[in-house]
C-alpha atoms as a PDB file:
ATOM      1  CA  MET A   1      15.845  89.840 -55.257  1.00  0.00           C
ATOM      2  CA  ASN A   2      14.471  91.858 -52.523  1.00  0.00           C
ATOM      3  CA  LEU A   3      16.734  93.846 -50.206  1.00  0.00           C
ATOM      4  CA  GLU A   4      15.750  91.771 -47.194  1.00  0.00           C
ATOM      5  CA  LYS A   5      16.732  88.580 -48.967  1.00  0.00           C
ATOM      6  CA  ILE A   6      20.155  90.009 -49.849  1.00  0.00           C
ATOM      7  CA  ARG A   7      20.624  91.146 -46.206  1.00  0.00           C
ATOM      8  CA  TYR A   8      19.557  87.776 -44.897  1.00  0.00           C
ATOM      9  CA  PHE A   9      22.007  86.030 -47.252  1.00  0.00           C
ATOM     10  CA  PHE A  10      24.939  88.101 -45.958  1.00  0.00           C
ATOM     11  CA  VAL A  11      23.903  87.694 -42.335  1.00  0.00           C
ATOM     12  CA  LYS A  12      23.567  83.963 -42.719  1.00  0.00           C
ATOM     13  CA  HIS A  13      26.768  83.358 -44.802  1.00  0.00           C
ATOM     14  CA  GLY A  14      29.024  86.170 -43.769  1.00  0.00           C
ATOM     15  CA  PHE A  15      28.381  87.756 -40.414  1.00  0.00           C
ATOM     16  CA  ASN A  16      27.481  84.709 -38.365  1.00  0.00           C
ATOM     17  CA  VAL A  17      30.661  82.739 -39.011  1.00  0.00           C
ATOM     18  CA  SER A  18      31.693  82.515 -35.408  1.00  0.00           C
ATOM     19  CA  THR A  19      28.195  81.503 -34.302  1.00  0.00           C
ATOM     20  CA  ARG A  20      27.963  78.774 -36.943  1.00  0.00           C
ATOM     21  CA  LEU A  21      31.465  77.465 -35.998  1.00  0.00           C
ATOM     22  CA  ALA A  22      30.484  77.431 -32.296  1.00  0.00           C
ATOM     23  CA  ASP A  23      27.232  75.579 -33.035  1.00  0.00           C
ATOM     24  CA  LYS A  24      29.032  72.930 -35.127  1.00  0.00           C
ATOM     25  CA  SER A  25      31.852  72.417 -32.670  1.00  0.00           C
ATOM     26  CA  GLY A  26      29.730  72.611 -29.495  1.00  0.00           C
ATOM     27  CA  ILE A  27      31.734  75.353 -27.730  1.00  0.00           C
ATOM     28  CA  PRO A  28      30.550  78.751 -26.543  1.00  0.00           C
ATOM     29  CA  VAL A  29      30.434  81.589 -29.087  1.00  0.00           C
ATOM     30  CA  ASN A  30      32.469  83.893 -26.864  1.00  0.00           C
ATOM     31  CA  ASN A  31      35.391  81.471 -26.931  1.00  0.00           C
ATOM     32  CA  VAL A  32      35.344  81.341 -30.718  1.00  0.00           C
ATOM     33  CA  ARG A  33      35.270  85.115 -30.955  1.00  0.00           C
ATOM     34  CA  LEU A  34      38.095  85.488 -28.446  1.00  0.00           C
ATOM     35  CA  PHE A  35      40.118  82.935 -30.429  1.00  0.00           C
ATOM     36  CA  PHE A  36      39.721  85.046 -33.601  1.00  0.00           C
ATOM     37  CA  ILE A  37      40.695  88.241 -31.786  1.00  0.00           C
ATOM     38  CA  TYR A  38      43.782  86.688 -30.182  1.00  0.00           C
ATOM     39  CA  ALA A  39      44.766  85.017 -33.470  1.00  0.00           C
ATOM     40  CA  SER A  40      44.599  88.386 -35.293  1.00  0.00           C
ATOM     41  CA  PHE A  41      46.790  90.021 -32.656  1.00  0.00           C
ATOM     42  CA  VAL A  42      49.324  87.191 -32.790  1.00  0.00           C
ATOM     43  CA  THR A  43      49.628  87.247 -36.541  1.00  0.00           C
ATOM     44  CA  LEU A  44      50.014  91.014 -36.627  1.00  0.00           C
ATOM     45  CA  GLY A  45      52.475  91.011 -33.774  1.00  0.00           C
ATOM     46  CA  ALA A  46      54.480  88.132 -35.268  1.00  0.00           C
ATOM     47  CA  SER A  47      54.999  89.944 -38.551  1.00  0.00           C
ATOM     48  CA  PHE A  48      56.006  93.153 -36.787  1.00  0.00           C
ATOM     49  CA  ILE A  49      58.478  91.299 -34.583  1.00  0.00           C
ATOM     50  CA  LEU A  50      59.915  89.508 -37.615  1.00  0.00           C
ATOM     51  CA  TYR A  51      60.408  92.876 -39.348  1.00  0.00           C
ATOM     52  CA  LEU A  52      62.216  94.309 -36.288  1.00  0.00           C
ATOM     53  CA  LEU A  53      64.454  91.220 -36.042  1.00  0.00           C
ATOM     54  CA  LEU A  54      65.409  91.416 -39.719  1.00  0.00           C
ATOM     55  CA  ALA A  55      66.154  95.145 -39.437  1.00  0.00           C
ATOM     56  CA  PHE A  56      68.296  94.468 -36.372  1.00  0.00           C
ATOM     57  CA  ALA A  57      70.204  91.669 -38.173  1.00  0.00           C
ATOM     58  CA  LEU A  58      70.935  93.930 -41.146  1.00  0.00           C
ATOM     59  CA  ARG A  59      72.156  96.622 -38.815  1.00  0.00           C
ATOM     60  CA  ILE A  60      74.520  94.168 -37.071  1.00  0.00           C
ATOM     61  CA  LYS A  61      75.720  92.841 -40.413  1.00  0.00           C
ATOM     62  CA  ASP A  62      76.564  96.418 -41.562  1.00  0.00           C
ATOM     63  CA  LEU A  63      78.610  96.951 -38.390  1.00  0.00           C
ATOM     64  CA  PHE A  64      80.795  93.892 -38.998  1.00  0.00           C
ATOM     65  CA  TYR A  65      81.142  94.006 -42.778  1.00  0.00           C
ATOM     66  CA  LYS A  66      82.516  97.311 -43.923  1.00  0.00           C
ATOM     67  CA  LYS A  67      82.370  98.190 -47.593  1.00  0.00           C
ATOM     68  CA  ARG A  68      85.758  98.328 -49.078  1.00  0.00           C
ATOM     69  CA  PRO A  69      86.449 101.129 -51.560  1.00  0.00           C
ATOM     70  CA  SER A  70      86.509  99.938 -55.134  1.00  0.00           C
ATOM     71  CA  VAL A  71      89.414 100.639 -57.508  1.00  0.00           C
ATOM     72  CA  PHE A  72      87.016 102.660 -59.595  1.00  0.00           C
ATOM     73  CA  ASP A  73      86.138 104.935 -56.694  1.00  0.00           C
ATOM     74  CA  LEU A  74      89.630 106.380 -56.445  1.00  0.00           C
END
């Protein structure tokens, strides 16, 4: 295969995903691209917020449940 054919293959099947989706669904390309950008921010933000909530819950749990010394620690 020639280098141009390889490049054309990747442009057609990889890089123009949002254009092809917009053409098939009949909506503007800018809206599809904005959707992908917003979706990526939401998924990254949701995982970070979940991490912070779990860390906060563990911190609260440690405040209420104190470790009792074991018999073997004496």
